[in-house]
Protein backbone atom coordinates (compact mmCIF):
# COMPACT_ATOMS: atom_id res chain seq x y z
CA UNK A 1 61.31 66.61 -51.44
CA UNK A 2 59.56 63.84 -48.69
CA UNK A 3 56.10 64.94 -50.11
CA UNK A 4 56.99 63.79 -53.73
CA UNK A 5 58.15 60.18 -52.34
CA UNK A 6 55.48 59.67 -49.38
CA UNK A 7 53.15 57.76 -51.85
CA UNK A 8 55.62 54.83 -52.54
CA UNK A 9 56.36 54.58 -48.67
CA UNK A 10 52.95 53.86 -47.75
CA UNK A 11 51.72 51.68 -50.19
CA UNK A 12 54.11 48.74 -49.48
CA UNK A 13 52.99 48.54 -45.11
CA UNK A 14 49.13 48.95 -46.46
CA UNK A 15 49.52 46.03 -49.14
CA UNK A 16 51.24 43.84 -46.05
CA UNK A 17 48.27 44.98 -43.54
CA UNK A 18 45.34 43.68 -46.30
CA UNK A 19 47.14 40.56 -46.43
CA UNK A 20 47.46 39.48 -43.08
CA UNK A 21 44.24 40.52 -42.44
CA UNK A 22 42.99 38.47 -45.33
CA UNK A 23 44.69 35.60 -44.13
CA UNK A 24 43.42 35.64 -40.42
CA UNK A 25 40.08 35.66 -41.78
CA UNK A 26 40.86 31.88 -43.62
CA UNK A 27 38.78 28.74 -42.61
CA UNK A 28 40.85 27.47 -39.80
CA UNK A 29 41.15 24.45 -41.70
CA UNK A 30 43.07 26.76 -44.19
CA UNK A 31 45.22 27.85 -41.56
CA UNK A 32 46.26 24.51 -40.21
CA UNK A 33 46.87 23.25 -43.46
CA UNK A 34 49.19 25.64 -43.71
CA UNK A 35 51.52 24.84 -40.99
CA UNK A 36 49.81 26.56 -38.26
CA UNK A 37 50.13 24.95 -34.75
CA UNK A 38 47.30 22.64 -33.25
CA UNK A 39 44.64 24.71 -31.16
CA UNK A 40 45.43 24.10 -27.13
CA UNK A 41 42.07 22.64 -25.79
CA UNK A 42 41.04 20.93 -22.09
CA UNK A 43 39.61 17.76 -22.45
CA UNK A 44 37.64 15.29 -20.02
CA UNK A 45 37.61 11.68 -19.70
CA UNK A 46 34.38 9.40 -20.98
CA UNK A 47 32.57 8.03 -17.49
CA UNK A 48 30.70 5.24 -16.87
CA UNK A 49 28.36 4.90 -14.11
CA UNK A 50 25.35 5.66 -12.09
CA UNK A 51 23.15 9.07 -12.56
CA UNK A 52 20.72 11.01 -11.13
CA UNK A 53 18.12 13.30 -12.05
CA UNK A 54 17.88 14.99 -8.46
CA UNK A 55 15.35 17.94 -7.09
CA UNK A 56 15.46 20.02 -3.95
CA UNK A 57 11.85 20.41 -3.25
CA UNK A 58 10.94 23.51 -0.92
CA UNK A 59 8.65 22.28 1.98
CA UNK A 60 8.09 22.63 5.71
CA UNK A 61 7.56 20.53 8.52
CA UNK A 62 4.50 19.02 10.02
CA UNK A 63 3.79 16.48 13.05
CA UNK A 64 1.87 13.45 11.34
CA UNK A 65 -0.91 13.92 13.80
CA UNK A 66 -2.26 15.71 16.56
CA UNK A 67 -4.24 15.79 19.12
CA UNK A 68 -6.99 18.57 20.56
CA UNK A 69 -7.78 17.88 24.31
CA UNK A 70 -10.80 19.52 25.02
CA UNK A 71 -12.78 19.61 28.13
CA UNK A 72 -16.06 17.47 27.87
CA UNK A 73 -17.97 19.54 30.18
CA UNK A 74 -18.49 22.62 31.03
CA UNK A 75 -16.76 23.98 34.59
CA UNK A 76 -13.19 26.33 36.13
CA UNK A 77 -10.46 24.86 35.43
CA UNK A 78 -8.87 24.02 38.55
CA UNK A 79 -5.11 22.94 37.11
CA UNK A 80 -3.26 22.27 34.37
CA UNK A 81 -0.74 19.71 35.13
CA UNK A 82 1.01 20.08 31.63
CA UNK A 83 2.36 23.09 29.89
CA UNK A 84 3.70 23.86 26.51
CA UNK A 85 6.65 21.80 25.74
CA UNK A 86 5.95 19.34 28.30
CA UNK A 87 6.22 15.50 26.89
CA UNK A 88 2.82 13.50 27.15
CA UNK A 89 1.84 9.82 28.31
CA UNK A 90 -1.20 8.17 26.74
CA UNK A 91 -4.06 8.16 28.87
CA UNK A 92 -1.98 11.01 31.13
CA UNK A 93 -4.18 13.91 33.71
CA UNK A 94 -3.48 17.15 31.72
CA UNK A 95 -6.24 18.76 33.27
CA UNK A 96 -8.69 19.15 36.74
CA UNK A 97 -11.91 20.98 36.60
CA UNK A 98 -13.67 22.33 39.09
CA UNK A 99 -16.06 19.31 40.44
CA UNK A 100 -18.08 20.00 43.26
CA UNK A 101 -21.32 21.02 41.53
CA UNK A 102 -20.74 17.89 39.52
CA UNK A 103 -20.08 16.03 42.57
CA UNK A 104 -23.62 17.71 43.68
CA UNK A 105 -25.17 16.40 41.14
CA UNK A 106 -24.07 13.10 41.74
CA UNK A 107 -25.28 13.46 45.06
CA UNK A 108 -28.62 14.83 43.66
CA UNK A 109 -28.84 11.74 41.53
CA UNK A 110 -28.41 9.14 44.25
CA UNK A 111 -30.77 10.43 46.49
CA UNK A 112 -33.29 10.38 43.58
CA UNK A 113 -32.33 6.83 43.07
CA UNK A 114 -33.62 5.92 46.05
CA UNK A 115 -36.59 7.62 46.45
CA UNK A 116 -37.64 5.40 43.75
CA UNK A 117 -36.23 2.16 45.11
CA UNK A 118 -38.17 3.43 47.91
CA UNK A 119 -41.29 4.21 45.28
CA UNK A 120 -40.82 0.55 43.78
CA UNK A 121 -40.67 -1.19 47.38
CA UNK A 122 -43.48 1.03 48.24
CA UNK A 123 -45.92 -0.10 44.58
CA UNK A 124 -45.12 -3.82 45.04
CA UNK A 125 -46.84 -4.48 48.06
CA UNK A 126 -49.71 -2.20 47.16
CA UNK A 127 -49.80 -4.41 44.18
CA UNK A 128 -49.32 -7.84 46.00
CA UNK A 129 -52.21 -6.21 48.88
CA UNK A 130 -54.60 -5.66 46.06
CA UNK A 131 -54.08 -9.36 43.89
CA UNK A 132 -54.82 -10.82 47.88
CA UNK A 133 -57.72 -9.13 47.90
CA UNK A 134 -58.63 -10.06 44.54
CA UNK A 135 -58.68 -13.88 44.78
CA UNK A 136 -60.68 -13.12 47.69
CA UNK A 137 -63.75 -10.91 45.97
CA UNK A 138 -63.24 -13.87 42.97
CA UNK A 139 -63.71 -16.38 45.19
CA UNK A 140 -66.66 -15.18 47.28
CA UNK A 141 -67.62 -14.37 44.06
CA UNK A 142 -68.68 -17.58 42.84
CA UNK A 143 -69.55 -18.86 45.68
CA UNK A 144 -72.05 -15.79 45.12
CA UNK A 145 -71.49 -13.67 47.91
CA UNK A 146 -71.07 -11.23 46.42
CA UNK A 147 -72.13 -9.05 43.08
CA UNK A 148 -70.39 -9.35 39.97
CA UNK A 149 -69.69 -4.91 40.37
CA UNK A 150 -67.37 -5.53 43.83
CA UNK A 151 -65.65 -8.31 40.85
CA UNK A 152 -64.55 -6.14 38.54
CA UNK A 153 -63.70 -3.42 40.93
CA UNK A 154 -61.09 -5.82 42.48
CA UNK A 155 -59.80 -6.67 39.42
CA UNK A 156 -59.50 -2.93 37.32
CA UNK A 157 -58.15 -2.09 41.62
CA UNK A 158 -55.38 -4.74 40.69
CA UNK A 159 -54.38 -3.57 37.59
CA UNK A 160 -54.24 -0.18 38.04
CA UNK A 161 -51.44 -0.91 41.21
CA UNK A 162 -49.97 -3.35 38.43
CA UNK A 163 -49.63 -0.16 36.28
CA UNK A 164 -48.24 2.39 39.27
CA UNK A 165 -45.18 -0.46 39.50
CA UNK A 166 -44.29 -0.38 35.76
CA UNK A 167 -44.61 3.87 36.31
CA UNK A 168 -41.72 2.73 39.63
CA UNK A 169 -39.45 0.67 37.77
CA UNK A 170 -39.44 3.19 34.86
CA UNK A 171 -38.75 5.80 37.77
CA UNK A 172 -36.06 3.84 38.80
CA UNK A 173 -34.39 2.96 35.94
CA UNK A 174 -34.53 6.88 34.55
CA UNK A 175 -33.09 7.60 37.99
CA UNK A 176 -30.90 5.09 37.92
CA UNK A 177 -29.30 6.71 33.72
CA UNK A 178 -29.17 10.29 36.47
CA UNK A 179 -27.16 8.61 38.47
CA UNK A 180 -24.77 7.14 35.90
CA UNK A 181 -24.39 10.71 33.77
CA UNK A 182 -23.85 12.59 36.83
CA UNK A 183 -20.80 10.28 37.87
CA UNK A 184 -19.79 10.20 34.25
CA UNK A 185 -20.22 14.04 34.10
CA UNK A 186 -18.11 13.75 37.45
CA UNK A 187 -15.43 11.54 36.18
CA UNK A 188 -14.83 14.23 32.76
CA UNK A 189 -13.56 16.27 35.49
CA UNK A 190 -10.34 15.00 35.23
CA UNK A 191 -9.53 15.66 31.64
CA UNK A 192 -7.04 12.77 30.18
CA UNK A 193 -5.29 12.47 26.68
CA UNK A 194 -5.39 9.66 24.69
CA UNK A 195 -4.99 8.61 21.42
CA UNK A 196 -5.72 4.93 19.34
CA UNK A 197 -2.19 4.77 17.92
CA UNK A 198 0.85 2.85 18.74
CA UNK A 199 2.76 6.78 20.09
CA UNK A 200 4.39 5.97 23.83
CA UNK A 201 4.89 9.73 23.90
CA UNK A 202 4.05 13.35 21.95
CA UNK A 203 4.43 16.70 23.44
CA UNK A 204 2.17 19.59 24.74
CA UNK A 205 2.14 22.10 20.95
CA UNK A 206 0.08 24.71 22.38
CA UNK A 207 -1.65 25.43 25.53
CA UNK A 208 -5.31 27.49 25.17
CA UNK A 209 -6.34 28.19 28.81
CA UNK A 210 -4.85 29.13 31.85
CA UNK A 211 -5.29 27.89 35.55
CA UNK A 212 -9.45 29.69 36.74
CA UNK A 213 -10.67 30.08 33.29
CA UNK A 214 -14.00 29.07 32.53
CA UNK A 215 -14.23 26.54 29.88
CA UNK A 216 -17.83 25.58 27.92
CA UNK A 217 -18.22 22.13 26.90
CA UNK A 218 -15.87 20.65 24.21
CA UNK A 219 -13.29 23.94 24.05
CA UNK A 220 -9.80 22.93 23.61
CA UNK A 221 -7.55 23.12 26.92
CA UNK A 222 -4.04 21.91 24.94
CA UNK A 223 -3.21 20.41 21.67
CA UNK A 224 -0.24 17.10 21.62
CA UNK A 225 1.64 16.56 18.78
CA UNK A 226 3.60 13.54 17.88
CA UNK A 227 7.17 14.84 16.98
CA UNK A 228 8.64 11.49 15.34
CA UNK A 229 8.36 10.68 12.97
CA UNK A 230 7.56 14.05 11.04
CA UNK A 231 6.54 15.13 7.85
CA UNK A 232 7.99 17.44 5.59
CA UNK A 233 5.30 18.53 2.94
CA UNK A 234 6.21 19.59 -0.51
CA UNK A 235 4.57 20.28 -4.17
CA UNK A 236 5.25 19.11 -7.25
CA UNK A 237 4.24 20.09 -11.07
CA UNK A 238 2.93 18.44 -13.33
CA UNK A 239 6.39 17.60 -15.12
CA UNK A 240 8.53 15.90 -12.06
CA UNK A 241 5.04 14.10 -10.84
CA UNK A 242 5.16 10.48 -13.45
CA UNK A 243 8.45 10.40 -11.45
CA UNK A 244 7.22 10.41 -7.81
CA UNK A 245 6.52 6.82 -6.43
CA UNK A 246 5.56 6.20 -2.71
CA UNK A 247 9.06 4.47 -0.73
CA UNK A 248 11.50 6.77 -2.71
CA UNK A 249 14.11 7.87 -1.09
CA UNK A 250 15.22 11.22 0.37
CA UNK A 251 16.56 13.32 2.23
CA UNK A 252 16.07 15.82 3.68
CA UNK A 253 18.04 19.16 5.40
CA UNK A 254 17.03 22.52 7.88
CA UNK A 255 18.59 25.65 8.52
CA UNK A 256 19.14 25.26 12.25
CA UNK A 257 21.32 22.33 11.22
CA UNK A 258 22.83 22.97 7.85
CA UNK A 259 25.73 20.05 7.98
CA UNK A 260 23.26 17.70 8.84
CA UNK A 261 20.98 15.42 6.47
CA UNK A 262 17.47 13.81 8.29
CA UNK A 263 16.40 10.31 6.23
CA UNK A 264 13.51 10.42 4.35
CA UNK A 265 10.57 8.21 2.40
CA UNK A 266 7.87 9.44 0.14
CA UNK A 267 4.60 8.27 2.13
CA UNK A 268 1.59 9.87 0.30
CA UNK A 269 0.70 11.61 -3.07
CA UNK A 270 -2.00 13.30 -3.53
CA UNK A 271 -4.04 12.20 -6.85
CA UNK A 272 -5.03 15.80 -7.24
CA UNK A 273 -3.23 19.04 -8.52
CA UNK A 274 -4.76 22.30 -6.89
CA UNK A 275 -6.02 24.84 -9.70
CA UNK A 276 -4.77 27.66 -8.44
CA UNK A 277 -0.50 26.54 -8.61
CA UNK A 278 -1.14 23.11 -10.51
CA UNK A 279 0.82 21.32 -8.06
CA UNK A 280 -0.16 18.12 -6.04
CA UNK A 281 1.24 17.74 -2.37
CA UNK A 282 3.52 15.18 -1.53
CA UNK A 283 4.41 14.22 2.27
CA UNK A 284 8.05 12.69 2.99
CA UNK A 285 8.36 10.79 6.29
CA UNK A 286 11.40 12.15 8.07
CA UNK A 287 12.87 10.28 10.68
CA UNK A 288 13.15 12.73 13.92
CA UNK A 289 14.96 10.10 16.51
CA UNK A 290 16.70 13.17 18.71
CA UNK A 291 13.55 14.89 18.11
CA UNK A 292 16.15 18.14 17.21
CA UNK A 293 13.47 18.37 14.29
CA UNK A 294 9.69 20.28 15.24
CA UNK A 295 6.78 21.30 13.20
CA UNK A 296 6.66 24.21 11.17
CA UNK A 297 10.82 24.23 10.66
CA UNK A 298 11.25 25.60 6.19
CA UNK A 299 13.17 22.63 4.64
CA UNK A 300 14.55 21.52 1.50
CA UNK A 301 14.12 17.47 0.10
CA UNK A 302 16.96 16.50 -1.80
CA UNK A 303 15.20 13.42 -4.38
CA UNK A 304 16.11 11.35 -6.71
CA UNK A 305 13.39 11.26 -9.40
CA UNK A 306 15.13 8.87 -11.62
CA UNK A 307 18.41 7.11 -12.47
CA UNK A 308 20.71 5.29 -14.95
CA UNK A 309 22.93 2.93 -13.23
CA UNK A 310 25.31 2.26 -15.94
CA UNK A 311 24.90 5.69 -17.77
CA UNK A 312 27.41 7.00 -20.26
CA UNK A 313 28.37 10.11 -18.39
CA UNK A 314 30.78 13.58 -19.29
CA UNK A 315 30.70 17.18 -18.14
CA UNK A 316 28.93 19.45 -18.69
CA UNK A 317 31.49 21.66 -20.27
CA UNK A 318 31.84 19.38 -23.21
CA UNK A 319 28.30 19.34 -24.82
CA UNK A 320 28.45 21.86 -27.46
CA UNK A 321 26.14 23.17 -30.36
CA UNK A 322 26.95 23.99 -34.00
CA UNK A 323 25.03 23.48 -36.80
CA UNK A 324 21.72 22.82 -34.74
CA UNK A 325 23.19 19.72 -33.44
CA UNK A 326 23.91 18.75 -30.10
CA UNK A 327 26.94 17.39 -29.69
CA UNK A 328 30.71 16.86 -28.43
CA UNK A 329 34.16 17.04 -30.06
CA UNK A 330 36.04 13.58 -29.48
CA UNK A 331 40.07 13.19 -29.09
CA UNK A 332 41.50 10.69 -30.97
CA UNK A 333 44.90 9.60 -28.97
CA UNK A 334 46.65 8.47 -31.87
CA UNK A 335 46.44 11.52 -34.18
CA UNK A 336 45.65 14.20 -31.95
CA UNK A 337 42.43 15.38 -34.07
CA UNK A 338 38.61 15.45 -32.81
CA UNK A 339 36.21 14.36 -34.43
CA UNK A 340 32.55 16.03 -33.97
CA UNK A 341 30.16 13.39 -32.23
CA UNK A 342 26.19 14.19 -32.40
CA UNK A 343 24.59 12.68 -28.92
CA UNK A 344 21.55 13.03 -26.99
CA UNK A 345 21.17 13.71 -23.49
CA UNK A 346 20.26 11.97 -20.73
CA UNK A 347 19.98 13.00 -17.23
CA UNK A 348 22.06 16.30 -15.65
CA UNK A 349 23.03 16.20 -12.22
CA UNK A 350 25.11 19.20 -11.12
CA UNK A 351 27.61 19.36 -13.44
CA UNK A 352 27.18 15.98 -15.11
CA UNK A 353 25.18 15.02 -18.15
CA UNK A 354 24.30 11.28 -19.61
CA UNK A 355 24.86 10.92 -23.16
CA UNK A 356 22.92 8.75 -25.44
CA UNK A 357 26.77 7.22 -27.23
CA UNK A 358 26.36 3.62 -26.20
CA UNK A 359 29.97 3.22 -28.32
CA UNK A 360 31.58 6.58 -27.11
CA UNK A 361 35.00 6.03 -25.34
CA UNK A 362 38.26 7.95 -24.47
CA UNK A 363 38.30 11.55 -23.98
CA UNK A 364 36.06 14.52 -24.92
CA UNK A 365 37.20 18.07 -25.31
CA UNK A 366 35.25 20.87 -22.74
CA UNK A 367 37.33 23.51 -23.01
CA UNK A 368 38.61 25.70 -25.97
CA UNK A 369 36.30 23.76 -28.61
CA UNK A 370 35.08 27.64 -30.51
CA UNK A 371 39.07 26.55 -31.62
CA UNK A 372 37.93 23.60 -33.69
CA UNK A 373 36.18 21.99 -36.25
CA UNK A 374 35.57 18.17 -37.35
CA UNK A 375 38.93 16.89 -38.26
CA UNK A 376 41.68 20.12 -36.20
CA UNK A 377 44.58 18.91 -35.07
CA UNK A 378 44.85 19.96 -30.97
CA UNK A 379 47.25 19.33 -28.58
CA UNK A 380 45.94 18.26 -24.88
CA UNK A 381 47.03 21.79 -22.56
CA UNK A 382 45.11 20.38 -19.34
CA UNK A 383 43.21 17.19 -19.11
CA UNK A 384 39.96 17.87 -16.14
CA UNK A 385 38.06 15.75 -14.68
CA UNK A 386 34.01 14.54 -14.37
CA UNK A 387 32.18 17.13 -12.32
CA UNK A 388 32.03 15.47 -8.62
CA UNK A 389 29.21 13.18 -7.81
CA UNK A 390 27.75 15.24 -5.41
CA UNK A 391 24.83 14.29 -3.88
CA UNK A 392 22.45 17.43 -4.47
CA UNK A 393 22.61 19.86 -8.00
CA UNK A 394 18.58 19.59 -8.48
CA UNK A 395 16.67 22.49 -9.39
CA UNK A 396 14.42 23.80 -6.62
CA UNK A 397 11.03 23.79 -7.48
C-alpha cells in the first residue's frame, strides 16, 4: 500500500528543495530586495598623513678606511707593542726591528764620510800648492827665465789638482748621502703608525707577524682600522636605484643587538652596476659612538625610498579587484549602503596603502567585500584600524 503512494509523498519534498536552491542562486541585489538581512562587514577609517615606501637592504658593515703598517726595511721583529684589538693613536710606535746591523751600517757610512772629508782637505792643500807653483813659474816665464814648456806643465798640474778637489767633493757628497740613508734606515727599525686624516684613535684589526719573525721590506706587520663611524655596504636593483640619493637617512640593525637601531646616512652611490648581479653599490655611514658595531657584521638597512606627507591612506585589506578594476567599497553612513569607488594605488608600507582619490573620506569596507556589490546594504559588525605606522615593513632585497 505504501509503495502505491510513495511518489506522491516524495514529489513535494523535491519541489521545495529545487525552489530553495534556485532562490539561493539569485543575484545578491535580488535577494536584498526580497527582504534578506544586510551583509555584515568590517570597515576601516580613511586616514590622511605621511606614508613612506621603504626597503630593508641586506648589508655588510665595513671599516671606512684601514691602514696597513709595513716594515720599510728588512730584519728581525724585536718587539711588537700592539696586539689584536688594541687601540692605536696617530704616531704611535707599533713595532721595533733589530737595529744592530742597521746601526753598524750607519757607523760605516759615518767613517766613510770622515775619510771623504780628509781626502777633500788633502786635495784642497794640493790645489793651493799647485796655484802657488803656477804663479811662480808664470812670473819666471814673463822674465824669460823658464821655457813655455815648464809653464804648460805647471798649468796642467794645477788643472789636475783642481779636478782632484772636484772628485773629493763628489765623494764627500756621496758619503754624506750614504750616511743620511743609513740613519734613515736605522730609524725605520722603529715602526710607527701614521695616517693623514683627523681620526685620533683606531684599532688593530689584524696582526700579520709575531715577535722574532724575519720580515722583508714592505711586508705588513699589522692592519689598523677606523671603527667610528662604520660603513654599511649594500646593493640595490635598477628599480630602487633612482629613488636613492646622498644624504638620505636610514636605520641600521644587527643581529647582535636586536633591540637597537643605529642612525645611518647614505654617503656614496656607485655610478655603475655590476654586470653579474645588475646591482649598484651603496655605502651608508653608520654612527658607532660606543664602538659596539664591528666590521664584518651582517646588517639590515631600513631606508625610506619615497615619502608622501599628505596622503590618503587605507588598510591594504580594503583594496579589492572587481572586473579588472582596483577599488574600495565606500560606506555611506546615512543609508548604510556601500558604493564601489575605483582608485589608483600609490605607495605601500606594511598593511597601509596610499590611494589616489583626494575626495574620499569616511570609512571603507575592509572585510566582507565578497558579500556586497555596488549599492548593497550592509551592517557594520566591527570597526578596524589602519595598520600601525612602523619603521620597517619594506621589501628586503
